[in-house]
Amino acid sequence: MKLQQVLDVLFPPQCGGCDAPGSGACERCLPPGTATIARTHSLDVAALAPYEGNLRRAVLALKSGRRDVARAFALRLCEFVTVDGVLVPVPTTAARRRERGFDGCELIARTIAQHVRVSVRAHLVQVAGDKQRGRGRDARLSARGRFAWRGDPLDGLRVTLLDDVVTTGATLEDCAEVLRGAGAIVENAIAVARA
């Protein structure tokens, strides 16, 4: 018997949103249906639902290290990904990556790529450590220059950005600007939730 099977018997998996038996996020917390579409300055952003209630709890479970929640999010986000496109996850800070043992957005992107024919380029890095969480709207909107591209040029490639939660869109715009500087065409983003 594998270790995970033993752990599942001793500690049955629960939904990251409502604690119901199961794994990841149940359909009650992550119902199928249409996305909410929003517009930032230059991007159309499709999010699964508002950042509230059980979806908010599930996102926080992901941020606390629940890989099964990332898989549930990825399976729902697959429908918003362009086949044969390029998916670039918005990176977390190096400190958060060390703390969790993974980057949530990158894990979601790589899981999507297991189900949809899409290329994942996780070469966007955070070069300035100021996080957006806990900052006011004006401070979020004025944050620029926090990311850099460390991969091959993206000349003419259509890129979709992926983030967990979109608030003002400032992080997505900052990332899009960097990717455009690397030659990409960036018009769309997807997210788990919209605050």
Foldseek 3Di string as FASTA:
>chain_A
DDPVVVCCVVPPAADQQPRHGDFAHDCVLQPADAFDWDDAPFAIETASEACDHSLVSSLVVVLQQRLRNLLVLLVRCLVVDDAAAEEEEQFDAPVSCVNRVHTSRQSSVVSSVVPGRYHYDHQKHFPDHDDPPPDDPVVLQPDADGIAGDDAQPAAGEYEYEYAEAENCNSVVRVVVRNVVSHYDYHYYYYHHYD
